[in-house]
PDB file of N, CA and C in Angstrom:
ATOM      1  N   MET A   1     -23.874  18.458   1.209  1.00  0.00           N
ATOM      2  CA  MET A   1     -24.947  19.747   0.162  1.00  0.00           C
ATOM      3  C   MET A   1     -25.127  19.262  -0.660  1.00  0.00           C
ATOM      4  N   ASN A   2     -26.924  19.299  -0.305  1.00  0.00           N
ATOM      5  CA  ASN A   2     -28.058  19.201  -1.428  1.00  0.00           C
ATOM      6  C   ASN A   2     -27.866  19.933  -2.517  1.00  0.00           C
ATOM      7  N   THR A   3     -28.502  18.942  -3.869  1.00  0.00           N
ATOM      8  CA  THR A   3     -28.631  19.956  -5.283  1.00  0.00           C
ATOM      9  C   THR A   3     -29.390  21.424  -5.006  1.00  0.00           C
ATOM     10  N   LYS A   4     -30.438  21.292  -4.522  1.00  0.00           N
ATOM     11  CA  LYS A   4     -31.082  22.866  -4.030  1.00  0.00           C
ATOM     12  C   LYS A   4     -30.012  23.752  -3.161  1.00  0.00           C
ATOM     13  N   THR A   5     -29.581  23.236  -2.349  1.00  0.00           N
ATOM     14  CA  THR A   5     -28.767  24.093  -1.550  1.00  0.00           C
ATOM     15  C   THR A   5     -27.240  24.824  -2.415  1.00  0.00           C
ATOM     16  N   THR A   6     -26.897  23.788  -3.017  1.00  0.00           N
ATOM     17  CA  THR A   6     -25.797  24.435  -3.881  1.00  0.00           C
ATOM     18  C   THR A   6     -26.397  25.129  -5.267  1.00  0.00           C
ATOM     19  N   LEU A   7     -27.270  24.775  -5.616  1.00  0.00           N
ATOM     20  CA  LEU A   7     -28.195  26.233  -6.611  1.00  0.00           C
ATOM     21  C   LEU A   7     -28.125  27.023  -5.874  1.00  0.00           C
ATOM     22  N   ARG A   8     -28.539  27.705  -4.645  1.00  0.00           N
ATOM     23  CA  ARG A   8     -29.150  28.456  -4.006  1.00  0.00           C
ATOM     24  C   ARG A   8     -27.736  29.097  -3.603  1.00  0.00           C
ATOM     25  N   PHE A   9     -26.968  28.645  -3.237  1.00  0.00           N
ATOM     26  CA  PHE A   9     -25.306  29.137  -2.855  1.00  0.00           C
ATOM     27  C   PHE A   9     -24.887  30.057  -4.302  1.00  0.00           C
ATOM     28  N   SER A  10     -25.053  28.846  -5.606  1.00  0.00           N
ATOM     29  CA  SER A  10     -24.146  29.478  -6.676  1.00  0.00           C
ATOM     30  C   SER A  10     -25.044  30.599  -7.075  1.00  0.00           C
ATOM     31  N   LEU A  11     -26.174  30.547  -6.880  1.00  0.00           N
ATOM     32  CA  LEU A  11     -27.299  31.916  -7.734  1.00  0.00           C
ATOM     33  C   LEU A  11     -26.734  32.752  -6.799  1.00  0.00           C
ATOM     34  N   MET A  12     -26.893  32.750  -5.227  1.00  0.00           N
ATOM     35  CA  MET A  12     -26.232  34.019  -4.261  1.00  0.00           C
ATOM     36  C   MET A  12     -25.138  34.328  -4.248  1.00  0.00           C
ATOM     37  N   GLY A  13     -24.637  33.683  -4.989  1.00  0.00           N
ATOM     38  CA  GLY A  13     -22.578  33.673  -5.696  1.00  0.00           C
ATOM     39  C   GLY A  13     -22.662  34.851  -6.661  1.00  0.00           C
ATOM     40  N   LEU A  14     -23.230  34.001  -7.640  1.00  0.00           N
ATOM     41  CA  LEU A  14     -23.571  35.101  -9.031  1.00  0.00           C
ATOM     42  C   LEU A  14     -24.428  36.375  -9.178  1.00  0.00           C
ATOM     43  N   LEU A  15     -25.311  36.706  -8.269  1.00  0.00           N
ATOM     44  CA  LEU A  15     -26.284  37.935  -7.384  1.00  0.00           C
ATOM     45  C   LEU A  15     -25.077  38.853  -7.043  1.00  0.00           C
ATOM     46  N   VAL A  16     -24.199  38.272  -5.760  1.00  0.00           N
ATOM     47  CA  VAL A  16     -23.124  38.905  -5.113  1.00  0.00           C
ATOM     48  C   VAL A  16     -21.987  39.766  -5.938  1.00  0.00           C
ATOM     49  N   SER A  17     -21.594  38.610  -7.133  1.00  0.00           N
ATOM     50  CA  SER A  17     -20.346  39.176  -8.066  1.00  0.00           C
ATOM     51  C   SER A  17     -20.516  40.185  -9.156  1.00  0.00           C
ATOM     52  N   ALA A  18     -21.977  40.524  -9.268  1.00  0.00           N
ATOM     53  CA  ALA A  18     -23.029  40.721 -10.651  1.00  0.00           C
ATOM     54  C   ALA A  18     -22.947  42.017  -9.829  1.00  0.00           C
ATOM     55  N   ALA A  19     -23.531  42.393  -8.575  1.00  0.00           N
ATOM     56  CA  ALA A  19     -23.284  43.802  -7.630  1.00  0.00           C
ATOM     57  C   ALA A  19     -21.923  44.147  -7.570  1.00  0.00           C
ATOM     58  N   PHE A  20     -21.212  43.502  -6.772  1.00  0.00           N
ATOM     59  CA  PHE A  20     -20.367  44.252  -6.911  1.00  0.00           C
ATOM     60  C   PHE A  20     -19.081  45.035  -8.364  1.00  0.00           C
ATOM     61  N   ALA A  21     -19.706  43.913  -9.339  1.00  0.00           N
ATOM     62  CA  ALA A  21     -19.290  44.075 -10.166  1.00  0.00           C
ATOM     63  C   ALA A  21     -19.702  45.611 -11.262  1.00  0.00           C
ATOM     64  N   SER A  22     -21.238  45.958 -10.871  1.00  0.00           N
ATOM     65  CA  SER A  22     -21.454  46.751 -11.252  1.00  0.00           C
ATOM     66  C   SER A  22     -21.383  47.885 -10.800  1.00  0.00           C
ATOM     67  N   SER A  23     -21.235  47.436  -9.356  1.00  0.00           N
ATOM     68  CA  SER A  23     -20.767  49.266  -8.333  1.00  0.00           C
ATOM     69  C   SER A  23     -19.400  49.195  -8.576  1.00  0.00           C
ATOM     70  N   ALA A  24     -18.219  48.464  -8.998  1.00  0.00           N
ATOM     71  CA  ALA A  24     -17.085  48.719  -9.715  1.00  0.00           C
ATOM     72  C   ALA A  24     -17.478  49.878 -10.593  1.00  0.00           C
ATOM     73  N   ALA A  25     -17.883  49.566 -12.117  1.00  0.00           N
ATOM     74  CA  ALA A  25     -18.056  49.704 -13.084  1.00  0.00           C
ATOM     75  C   ALA A  25     -18.475  51.359 -12.304  1.00  0.00           C
ATOM     76  N   MET A  26     -19.459  51.495 -11.955  1.00  0.00           N
ATOM     77  CA  MET A  26     -20.396  52.728 -11.648  1.00  0.00           C
ATOM     78  C   MET A  26     -19.347  53.208 -10.972  1.00  0.00           C
ATOM     79  N   ALA A  27     -18.644  53.259  -9.742  1.00  0.00           N
ATOM     80  CA  ALA A  27     -17.866  54.050  -9.300  1.00  0.00           C
ATOM     81  C   ALA A  27     -16.459  54.402  -9.965  1.00  0.00           C
ATOM     82  N   GLN A  28     -16.235  53.640 -11.289  1.00  0.00           N
ATOM     83  CA  GLN A  28     -15.390  54.453 -12.131  1.00  0.00           C
ATOM     84  C   GLN A  28     -15.933  55.235 -12.949  1.00  0.00           C
ATOM     85  N   ALA A  29     -16.945  55.074 -13.569  1.00  0.00           N
ATOM     86  CA  ALA A  29     -17.707  55.818 -14.209  1.00  0.00           C
ATOM     87  C   ALA A  29     -18.242  57.037 -14.075  1.00  0.00           C
ATOM     88  N   THR A  30     -18.710  57.623 -12.677  1.00  0.00           N
ATOM     89  CA  THR A  30     -19.090  58.379 -11.908  1.00  0.00           C
ATOM     90  C   THR A  30     -18.472  58.791 -10.634  1.00  0.00           C
ATOM     91  N   PRO A  31     -16.791  59.083 -10.307  1.00  0.00           N
ATOM     92  CA  PRO A  31     -16.619  59.051  -9.192  1.00  0.00           C
ATOM     93  C   PRO A  31     -17.280  59.281  -8.238  1.00  0.00           C
ATOM     94  N   ASP A  32     -17.637  61.137  -7.778  1.00  0.00           N
ATOM     95  CA  ASP A  32     -17.784  61.675  -7.127  1.00  0.00           C
ATOM     96  C   ASP A  32     -19.964  62.300  -7.216  1.00  0.00           C
ATOM     97  N   ALA A  33     -20.558  61.185  -8.463  1.00  0.00           N
ATOM     98  CA  ALA A  33     -21.622  61.533  -8.928  1.00  0.00           C
ATOM     99  C   ALA A  33     -22.740  61.205  -8.548  1.00  0.00           C
ATOM    100  N   THR A  34     -22.573  59.919  -7.428  1.00  0.00           N
ATOM    101  CA  THR A  34     -23.737  59.690  -7.086  1.00  0.00           C
ATOM    102  C   THR A  34     -24.256  60.087  -6.037  1.00  0.00           C
ATOM    103  N   VAL A  35     -25.785  59.842  -6.039  1.00  0.00           N
ATOM    104  CA  VAL A  35     -26.548  60.649  -5.146  1.00  0.00           C
ATOM    105  C   VAL A  35     -27.302  59.926  -4.501  1.00  0.00           C
ATOM    106  N   PRO A  36     -27.101  59.980  -3.122  1.00  0.00           N
ATOM    107  CA  PRO A  36     -27.440  58.623  -2.239  1.00  0.00           C
ATOM    108  C   PRO A  36     -29.157  59.496  -1.761  1.00  0.00           C
ATOM    109  N   GLY A  37     -29.907  58.015  -1.781  1.00  0.00           N
ATOM    110  CA  GLY A  37     -31.133  58.751  -1.367  1.00  0.00           C
ATOM    111  C   GLY A  37     -31.933  59.328  -2.462  1.00  0.00           C
ATOM    112  N   HIS A  38     -31.247  58.565  -3.666  1.00  0.00           N
ATOM    113  CA  HIS A  38     -32.276  59.327  -5.169  1.00  0.00           C
ATOM    114  C   HIS A  38     -33.858  58.338  -4.598  1.00  0.00           C
ATOM    115  N   PRO A  39     -34.400  59.010  -5.154  1.00  0.00           N
ATOM    116  CA  PRO A  39     -36.204  58.832  -4.654  1.00  0.00           C
ATOM    117  C   PRO A  39     -36.083  57.519  -5.927  1.00  0.00           C
ATOM    118  N   ARG A  40     -36.286  57.270  -6.808  1.00  0.00           N
ATOM    119  CA  ARG A  40     -36.427  56.566  -8.114  1.00  0.00           C
ATOM    120  C   ARG A  40     -35.503  55.272  -8.097  1.00  0.00           C
ATOM    121  N   VAL A  41     -34.385  55.348  -7.711  1.00  0.00           N
ATOM    122  CA  VAL A  41     -33.481  54.652  -7.384  1.00  0.00           C
ATOM    123  C   VAL A  41     -33.740  53.822  -6.236  1.00  0.00           C
ATOM    124  N   ASN A  42     -34.319  54.212  -5.318  1.00  0.00           N
ATOM    125  CA  ASN A  42     -34.629  53.551  -3.748  1.00  0.00           C
ATOM    126  C   ASN A  42     -35.849  52.662  -4.044  1.00  0.00           C
ATOM    127  N   GLU A  43     -36.881  53.237  -5.137  1.00  0.00           N
ATOM    128  CA  GLU A  43     -38.398  52.704  -5.335  1.00  0.00           C
ATOM    129  C   GLU A  43     -37.637  51.112  -5.799  1.00  0.00           C
ATOM    130  N   VAL A  44     -36.884  51.303  -6.525  1.00  0.00           N
ATOM    131  CA  VAL A  44     -36.734  50.119  -7.826  1.00  0.00           C
ATOM    132  C   VAL A  44     -36.082  49.247  -6.470  1.00  0.00           C
ATOM    133  N   ASN A  45     -34.566  49.704  -5.621  1.00  0.00           N
ATOM    134  CA  ASN A  45     -34.288  48.634  -5.260  1.00  0.00           C
ATOM    135  C   ASN A  45     -34.973  47.991  -3.922  1.00  0.00           C
ATOM    136  N   GLN A  46     -36.134  49.035  -3.191  1.00  0.00           N
ATOM    137  CA  GLN A  46     -36.765  48.291  -2.325  1.00  0.00           C
ATOM    138  C   GLN A  46     -37.552  47.512  -2.728  1.00  0.00           C
ATOM    139  N   ARG A  47     -37.996  47.534  -4.222  1.00  0.00           N
ATOM    140  CA  ARG A  47     -39.196  46.389  -4.480  1.00  0.00           C
ATOM    141  C   ARG A  47     -38.601  45.074  -4.777  1.00  0.00           C
ATOM    142  N   LEU A  48     -36.801  45.880  -5.484  1.00  0.00           N
ATOM    143  CA  LEU A  48     -36.106  44.036  -5.631  1.00  0.00           C
ATOM    144  C   LEU A  48     -35.967  43.367  -4.489  1.00  0.00           C
ATOM    145  N   ASP A  49     -35.559  44.243  -3.316  1.00  0.00           N
ATOM    146  CA  ASP A  49     -35.344  43.417  -1.859  1.00  0.00           C
ATOM    147  C   ASP A  49     -36.571  42.789  -1.654  1.00  0.00           C
ATOM    148  N   ASN A  50     -37.720  43.608  -1.722  1.00  0.00           N
ATOM    149  CA  ASN A  50     -39.557  43.067  -1.368  1.00  0.00           C
ATOM    150  C   ASN A  50     -39.308  41.723  -1.856  1.00  0.00           C
ATOM    151  N   GLN A  51     -39.043  41.755  -3.675  1.00  0.00           N
ATOM    152  CA  GLN A  51     -39.060  40.571  -4.257  1.00  0.00           C
ATOM    153  C   GLN A  51     -38.346  39.430  -3.618  1.00  0.00           C
ATOM    154  N   GLN A  52     -37.265  39.922  -3.446  1.00  0.00           N
ATOM    155  CA  GLN A  52     -36.281  38.633  -2.742  1.00  0.00           C
ATOM    156  C   GLN A  52     -36.606  38.248  -1.733  1.00  0.00           C
ATOM    157  N   ASN A  53     -37.328  38.623  -0.804  1.00  0.00           N
ATOM    158  CA  ASN A  53     -37.556  38.304   0.520  1.00  0.00           C
ATOM    159  C   ASN A  53     -39.141  37.249   0.101  1.00  0.00           C
ATOM    160  N   ARG A  54     -40.205  37.975  -0.859  1.00  0.00           N
ATOM    161  CA  ARG A  54     -41.102  36.521  -1.035  1.00  0.00           C
ATOM    162  C   ARG A  54     -40.590  35.710  -1.650  1.00  0.00           C
ATOM    163  N   ILE A  55     -39.535  35.392  -2.530  1.00  0.00           N
ATOM    164  CA  ILE A  55     -38.934  34.271  -3.126  1.00  0.00           C
ATOM    165  C   ILE A  55     -38.278  33.233  -1.364  1.00  0.00           C
ATOM    166  N   GLN A  56     -38.059  34.143  -1.129  1.00  0.00           N
ATOM    167  CA  GLN A  56     -37.310  33.307  -0.126  1.00  0.00           C
ATOM    168  C   GLN A  56     -38.178  32.702   1.183  1.00  0.00           C
ATOM    169  N   ASN A  57     -39.216  33.422   1.024  1.00  0.00           N
ATOM    170  CA  ASN A  57     -40.201  33.057   1.820  1.00  0.00           C
ATOM    171  C   ASN A  57     -41.014  31.873   1.113  1.00  0.00           C
ATOM    172  N   GLY A  58     -41.183  31.874  -0.186  1.00  0.00           N
ATOM    173  CA  GLY A  58     -41.620  30.822  -0.995  1.00  0.00           C
ATOM    174  C   GLY A  58     -40.902  29.558  -1.119  1.00  0.00           C
ATOM    175  N   VAL A  59     -40.270  29.613  -1.387  1.00  0.00           N
ATOM    176  CA  VAL A  59     -39.008  28.501  -1.141  1.00  0.00           C
ATOM    177  C   VAL A  59     -39.413  27.861   0.086  1.00  0.00           C
ATOM    178  N   LYS A  60     -38.837  28.392   1.681  1.00  0.00           N
ATOM    179  CA  LYS A  60     -39.059  28.365   3.058  1.00  0.00           C
ATOM    180  C   LYS A  60     -40.327  27.371   3.232  1.00  0.00           C
ATOM    181  N   ASP A  61     -41.670  28.291   2.542  1.00  0.00           N
ATOM    182  CA  ASP A  61     -43.349  27.160   3.074  1.00  0.00           C
ATOM    183  C   ASP A  61     -43.215  25.944   1.847  1.00  0.00           C
ATOM    184  N   GLY A  62     -42.066  25.784   0.817  1.00  0.00           N
ATOM    185  CA  GLY A  62     -41.936  25.056  -0.029  1.00  0.00           C
ATOM    186  C   GLY A  62     -43.381  25.005  -1.110  1.00  0.00           C
ATOM    187  N   GLN A  63     -43.496  26.654  -1.577  1.00  0.00           N
ATOM    188  CA  GLN A  63     -44.372  27.060  -2.476  1.00  0.00           C
ATOM    189  C   GLN A  63     -43.869  27.390  -3.667  1.00  0.00           C
ATOM    190  N   ILE A  64     -42.424  27.535  -4.084  1.00  0.00           N
ATOM    191  CA  ILE A  64     -41.836  27.687  -5.109  1.00  0.00           C
ATOM    192  C   ILE A  64     -40.585  26.852  -5.200  1.00  0.00           C
ATOM    193  N   ASN A  65     -40.408  25.916  -6.075  1.00  0.00           N
ATOM    194  CA  ASN A  65     -39.154  25.027  -6.130  1.00  0.00           C
ATOM    195  C   ASN A  65     -37.929  25.769  -6.391  1.00  0.00           C
ATOM    196  N   ALA A  66     -36.678  25.209  -6.654  1.00  0.00           N
ATOM    197  CA  ALA A  66     -35.522  25.451  -6.152  1.00  0.00           C
ATOM    198  C   ALA A  66     -35.358  25.761  -8.292  1.00  0.00           C
ATOM    199  N   LYS A  67     -36.235  25.380  -8.996  1.00  0.00           N
ATOM    200  CA  LYS A  67     -36.079  25.799 -10.862  1.00  0.00           C
ATOM    201  C   LYS A  67     -36.993  27.120 -10.914  1.00  0.00           C
ATOM    202  N   GLN A  68     -37.904  27.569 -10.149  1.00  0.00           N
ATOM    203  CA  GLN A  68     -38.846  28.596 -10.092  1.00  0.00           C
ATOM    204  C   GLN A  68     -37.676  29.419  -9.425  1.00  0.00           C
ATOM    205  N   GLU A  69     -37.196  29.243  -8.309  1.00  0.00           N
ATOM    206  CA  GLU A  69     -36.430  30.180  -7.585  1.00  0.00           C
ATOM    207  C   GLU A  69     -35.184  30.831  -8.502  1.00  0.00           C
ATOM    208  N   ALA A  70     -34.592  29.828  -9.235  1.00  0.00           N
ATOM    209  CA  ALA A  70     -33.645  29.723  -9.865  1.00  0.00           C
ATOM    210  C   ALA A  70     -34.259  31.087 -10.684  1.00  0.00           C
ATOM    211  N   ARG A  71     -35.129  30.811 -11.645  1.00  0.00           N
ATOM    212  CA  ARG A  71     -35.744  31.815 -12.505  1.00  0.00           C
ATOM    213  C   ARG A  71     -35.750  33.458 -12.040  1.00  0.00           C
ATOM    214  N   ASP A  72     -36.466  33.123 -11.173  1.00  0.00           N
ATOM    215  CA  ASP A  72     -37.378  34.158 -10.779  1.00  0.00           C
ATOM    216  C   ASP A  72     -35.792  35.712 -10.304  1.00  0.00           C
ATOM    217  N   GLU A  73     -34.323  34.346  -9.330  1.00  0.00           N
ATOM    218  CA  GLU A  73     -33.653  35.334  -8.902  1.00  0.00           C
ATOM    219  C   GLU A  73     -32.680  35.889 -10.564  1.00  0.00           C
ATOM    220  N   LYS A  74     -33.277  34.901 -11.461  1.00  0.00           N
ATOM    221  CA  LYS A  74     -32.037  35.286 -12.660  1.00  0.00           C
ATOM    222  C   LYS A  74     -32.813  36.738 -13.225  1.00  0.00           C
ATOM    223  N   GLN A  75     -34.091  36.856 -13.121  1.00  0.00           N
ATOM    224  CA  GLN A  75     -34.833  37.813 -13.514  1.00  0.00           C
ATOM    225  C   GLN A  75     -34.473  39.488 -12.527  1.00  0.00           C
ATOM    226  N   ASP A  76     -34.945  38.878 -11.067  1.00  0.00           N
ATOM    227  CA  ASP A  76     -34.443  39.771 -10.268  1.00  0.00           C
ATOM    228  C   ASP A  76     -32.935  40.442 -10.651  1.00  0.00           C
ATOM    229  N   SER A  77     -31.729  39.856 -11.241  1.00  0.00           N
ATOM    230  CA  SER A  77     -30.663  39.913 -11.305  1.00  0.00           C
ATOM    231  C   SER A  77     -30.843  40.982 -12.356  1.00  0.00           C
ATOM    232  N   ASN A  78     -31.441  41.024 -13.531  1.00  0.00           N
ATOM    233  CA  ASN A  78     -31.067  41.099 -15.057  1.00  0.00           C
ATOM    234  C   ASN A  78     -31.982  42.515 -14.862  1.00  0.00           C
ATOM    235  N   ILE A  79     -32.542  42.513 -13.600  1.00  0.00           N
ATOM    236  CA  ILE A  79     -33.436  44.111 -13.471  1.00  0.00           C
ATOM    237  C   ILE A  79     -32.445  44.865 -12.500  1.00  0.00           C
ATOM    238  N   ALA A  80     -31.809  44.266 -12.001  1.00  0.00           N
ATOM    239  CA  ALA A  80     -30.584  44.974 -11.221  1.00  0.00           C
ATOM    240  C   ALA A  80     -29.595  45.567 -12.121  1.00  0.00           C
ATOM    241  N   GLN A  81     -28.994  44.737 -13.280  1.00  0.00           N
ATOM    242  CA  GLN A  81     -27.571  44.981 -13.808  1.00  0.00           C
ATOM    243  C   GLN A  81     -28.266  46.066 -14.854  1.00  0.00           C
ATOM    244  N   ARG A  82     -29.923  46.248 -15.050  1.00  0.00           N
ATOM    245  CA  ARG A  82     -30.253  47.017 -16.357  1.00  0.00           C
ATOM    246  C   ARG A  82     -30.642  48.657 -15.607  1.00  0.00           C
ATOM    247  N   GLU A  83     -30.514  48.498 -14.192  1.00  0.00           N
ATOM    248  CA  GLU A  83     -30.966  49.574 -13.099  1.00  0.00           C
ATOM    249  C   GLU A  83     -29.339  50.152 -13.190  1.00  0.00           C
ATOM    250  N   SER A  84     -28.729  49.256 -12.799  1.00  0.00           N
ATOM    251  CA  SER A  84     -26.799  49.498 -13.001  1.00  0.00           C
ATOM    252  C   SER A  84     -26.624  50.461 -14.013  1.00  0.00           C
ATOM    253  N   ALA A  85     -27.015  49.926 -14.910  1.00  0.00           N
ATOM    254  CA  ALA A  85     -26.209  50.306 -16.490  1.00  0.00           C
ATOM    255  C   ALA A  85     -27.022  51.710 -16.655  1.00  0.00           C
ATOM    256  N   ASP A  86     -28.522  51.692 -16.061  1.00  0.00           N
ATOM    257  CA  ASP A  86     -29.063  53.166 -16.369  1.00  0.00           C
ATOM    258  C   ASP A  86     -28.699  54.388 -15.656  1.00  0.00           C
ATOM    259  N   GLU A  87     -28.279  53.888 -14.390  1.00  0.00           N
ATOM    260  CA  GLU A  87     -27.690  54.571 -13.381  1.00  0.00           C
ATOM    261  C   GLU A  87     -26.506  55.049 -13.753  1.00  0.00           C
ATOM    262  N   ALA A  88     -25.491  54.549 -14.271  1.00  0.00           N
ATOM    263  CA  ALA A  88     -23.978  54.553 -14.600  1.00  0.00           C
ATOM    264  C   ALA A  88     -24.144  55.949 -16.075  1.00  0.00           C
ATOM    265  N   LYS A  89     -25.188  55.326 -16.877  1.00  0.00           N
ATOM    266  CA  LYS A  89     -25.422  56.331 -17.433  1.00  0.00           C
ATOM    267  C   LYS A  89     -25.872  58.131 -17.270  1.00  0.00           C
ATOM    268  N   HIS A  90     -26.462  58.151 -16.120  1.00  0.00           N
ATOM    269  CA  HIS A  90     -26.880  59.840 -15.896  1.00  0.00           C
ATOM    270  C   HIS A  90     -26.583  59.785 -14.150  1.00  0.00           C
ATOM    271  N   ASN A  91     -25.509  59.402 -13.790  1.00  0.00           N
ATOM    272  CA  ASN A  91     -25.087  59.598 -13.087  1.00  0.00           C
ATOM    273  C   ASN A  91     -25.551  59.193 -11.512  1.00  0.00           C
ATOM    274  N   GLY A  92     -25.884  57.718 -11.737  1.00  0.00           N
ATOM    275  CA  GLY A  92     -26.278  57.710 -10.597  1.00  0.00           C
ATOM    276  C   GLY A  92     -27.847  58.031 -10.169  1.00  0.00           C
ATOM    277  N   HIS A  93     -28.511  58.418 -11.736  1.00  0.00           N
ATOM    278  CA  HIS A  93     -29.886  59.148 -11.397  1.00  0.00           C
ATOM    279  C   HIS A  93     -30.858  57.766 -12.351  1.00  0.00           C
ATOM    280  N   LEU A  94     -32.081  57.839 -12.254  1.00  0.00           N
ATOM    281  CA  LEU A  94     -32.910  57.300 -13.432  1.00  0.00           C
ATOM    282  C   LEU A  94     -33.820  57.897 -13.404  1.00  0.00           C
ATOM    283  N   THR A  95     -33.914  58.136 -15.120  1.00  0.00           N
ATOM    284  CA  THR A  95     -34.833  59.065 -15.763  1.00  0.00           C
ATOM    285  C   THR A  95     -36.293  58.485 -15.907  1.00  0.00           C
ATOM    286  N   LYS A  96     -37.566  58.647 -15.409  1.00  0.00           N
ATOM    287  CA  LYS A  96     -38.742  58.606 -15.240  1.00  0.00           C
ATOM    288  C   LYS A  96     -39.055  57.247 -15.812  1.00  0.00           C
ATOM    289  N   GLN A  97     -38.395  57.492 -17.144  1.00  0.00           N
ATOM    290  CA  GLN A  97     -38.855  56.454 -18.316  1.00  0.00           C
ATOM    291  C   GLN A  97     -38.216  54.790 -17.799  1.00  0.00           C
ATOM    292  N   GLU A  98     -37.143  54.687 -17.371  1.00  0.00           N
ATOM    293  CA  GLU A  98     -36.382  54.015 -16.920  1.00  0.00           C
ATOM    294  C   GLU A  98     -36.560  53.440 -16.067  1.00  0.00           C
ATOM    295  N   GLN A  99     -37.170  53.979 -14.944  1.00  0.00           N
ATOM    296  CA  GLN A  99     -38.012  53.941 -13.624  1.00  0.00           C
ATOM    297  C   GLN A  99     -39.128  53.078 -14.334  1.00  0.00           C
ATOM    298  N   LYS A 100     -40.201  53.874 -15.402  1.00  0.00           N
ATOM    299  CA  LYS A 100     -41.477  52.970 -16.013  1.00  0.00           C
ATOM    300  C   LYS A 100     -40.890  51.742 -16.438  1.00  0.00           C
ATOM    301  N   ASN A 101     -40.231  51.666 -17.085  1.00  0.00           N
ATOM    302  CA  ASN A 101     -39.513  50.234 -17.738  1.00  0.00           C
ATOM    303  C   ASN A 101     -39.298  49.306 -16.632  1.00  0.00           C
ATOM    304  N   LEU A 102     -37.950  49.717 -15.852  1.00  0.00           N
ATOM    305  CA  LEU A 102     -38.034  48.807 -14.709  1.00  0.00           C
ATOM    306  C   LEU A 102     -39.210  48.310 -13.806  1.00  0.00           C
ATOM    307  N   ASN A 103     -40.281  49.124 -13.358  1.00  0.00           N
ATOM    308  CA  ASN A 103     -41.092  48.746 -12.832  1.00  0.00           C
ATOM    309  C   ASN A 103     -42.072  47.821 -13.579  1.00  0.00           C
ATOM    310  N   LYS A 104     -42.320  47.600 -14.795  1.00  0.00           N
ATOM    311  CA  LYS A 104     -42.855  47.136 -15.854  1.00  0.00           C
ATOM    312  C   LYS A 104     -41.928  45.679 -15.408  1.00  0.00           C
ATOM    313  N   SER A 105     -40.818  45.305 -15.792  1.00  0.00           N
ATOM    314  CA  SER A 105     -40.084  43.997 -15.541  1.00  0.00           C
ATOM    315  C   SER A 105     -40.270  43.429 -13.894  1.00  0.00           C
ATOM    316  N   GLU A 106     -40.687  44.739 -13.034  1.00  0.00           N
ATOM    317  CA  GLU A 106     -40.863  43.910 -11.947  1.00  0.00           C
ATOM    318  C   GLU A 106     -42.292  43.396 -11.267  1.00  0.00           C
ATOM    319  N   ASN A 107     -43.285  44.161 -12.300  1.00  0.00           N
ATOM    320  CA  ASN A 107     -44.913  44.224 -11.609  1.00  0.00           C
ATOM    321  C   ASN A 107     -44.367  42.674 -12.678  1.00  0.00           C
ATOM    322  N   HIS A 108     -44.166  42.240 -13.279  1.00  0.00           N
ATOM    323  CA  HIS A 108     -44.287  41.050 -13.893  1.00  0.00           C
ATOM    324  C   HIS A 108     -43.743  39.913 -13.598  1.00  0.00           C
ATOM    325  N   ASP A 109     -42.221  40.582 -12.759  1.00  0.00           N
ATOM    326  CA  ASP A 109     -41.705  38.904 -12.156  1.00  0.00           C
ATOM    327  C   ASP A 109     -43.031  38.969 -10.569  1.00  0.00           C
ATOM    328  N   SER A 110     -43.483  40.273  -9.970  1.00  0.00           N
ATOM    329  CA  SER A 110     -44.071  40.188  -9.058  1.00  0.00           C
ATOM    330  C   SER A 110     -45.559  39.404  -8.858  1.00  0.00           C
ATOM    331  N   ARG A 111     -46.082  39.639 -10.458  1.00  0.00           N
ATOM    332  CA  ARG A 111     -47.308  38.564 -10.774  1.00  0.00           C
ATOM    333  C   ARG A 111     -46.710  37.060 -10.749  1.00  0.00           C
ATOM    334  N   ARG A 112     -45.930  36.894 -11.150  1.00  0.00           N
ATOM    335  CA  ARG A 112     -45.170  35.270 -11.683  1.00  0.00           C
ATOM    336  C   ARG A 112     -44.825  34.407 -10.006  1.00  0.00           C
ATOM    337  N   ILE A 113     -44.264  35.588  -9.522  1.00  0.00           N
ATOM    338  CA  ILE A 113     -44.156  35.383  -7.868  1.00  0.00           C
ATOM    339  C   ILE A 113     -45.355  34.867  -7.168  1.00  0.00           C
ATOM    340  N   HIS A 114     -46.344  35.841  -7.186  1.00  0.00           N
ATOM    341  CA  HIS A 114     -47.882  35.502  -6.628  1.00  0.00           C
ATOM    342  C   HIS A 114     -48.232  34.119  -6.867  1.00  0.00           C
ATOM    343  N   ARG A 115     -48.307  33.951  -8.389  1.00  0.00           N
ATOM    344  CA  ARG A 115     -48.820  32.933  -8.953  1.00  0.00           C
ATOM    345  C   ARG A 115     -48.642  31.825  -8.927  1.00  0.00           C
ATOM    346  N   GLN A 116     -47.006  31.636  -8.548  1.00  0.00           N
ATOM    347  CA  GLN A 116     -46.042  30.058  -7.935  1.00  0.00           C
ATOM    348  C   GLN A 116     -46.356  30.588  -6.270  1.00  0.00           C
ATOM    349  N   ARG A 117     -46.934  31.124  -5.670  1.00  0.00           N
ATOM    350  CA  ARG A 117     -46.919  31.195  -4.249  1.00  0.00           C
ATOM    351  C   ARG A 117     -47.977  30.391  -3.931  1.00  0.00           C
ATOM    352  N   LYS A 118     -49.347  31.529  -4.891  1.00  0.00           N
ATOM    353  CA  LYS A 118     -50.320  30.526  -4.629  1.00  0.00           C
ATOM    354  C   LYS A 118     -50.828  29.534  -5.148  1.00  0.00           C
ATOM    355  N   ALA A 119     -50.209  28.653  -6.176  1.00  0.00           N
ATOM    356  CA  ALA A 119     -50.517  27.884  -6.320  1.00  0.00           C
ATOM    357  C   ALA A 119     -49.267  26.744  -5.789  1.00  0.00           C
ATOM    358  N   GLY A 120     -48.679  27.143  -5.431  1.00  0.00           N
ATOM    359  CA  GLY A 120     -47.533  26.230  -4.828  1.00  0.00           C
ATOM    360  C   GLY A 120     -48.200  25.618  -2.635  1.00  0.00           C
TER     361      GLY A 120
END
């Protein structure tokens, strides 16, 4: 495997382990209080999924290099961790202010991805 592939697998492993750790912590903190389909949570998660797809498409097209990909995925991971922590505080919900803060971070990340793909 080349360095780029190894880095990609390492980052994906880190994201998956962070997701499992955060979901396990959430399950312990709120056993039956999660609300499936909460609109604020769904919006944040959908945006993270969309950005992940944009990053992967940029890598596939050669518009985003490995260093940029690592930075973008680290930022998305940070947003996901903040979301999980916020949800844990409010029984699986996000307050409007928490959603606003997460959206602000996602907007910043989205603009950076756009600039990278445009320049690439």
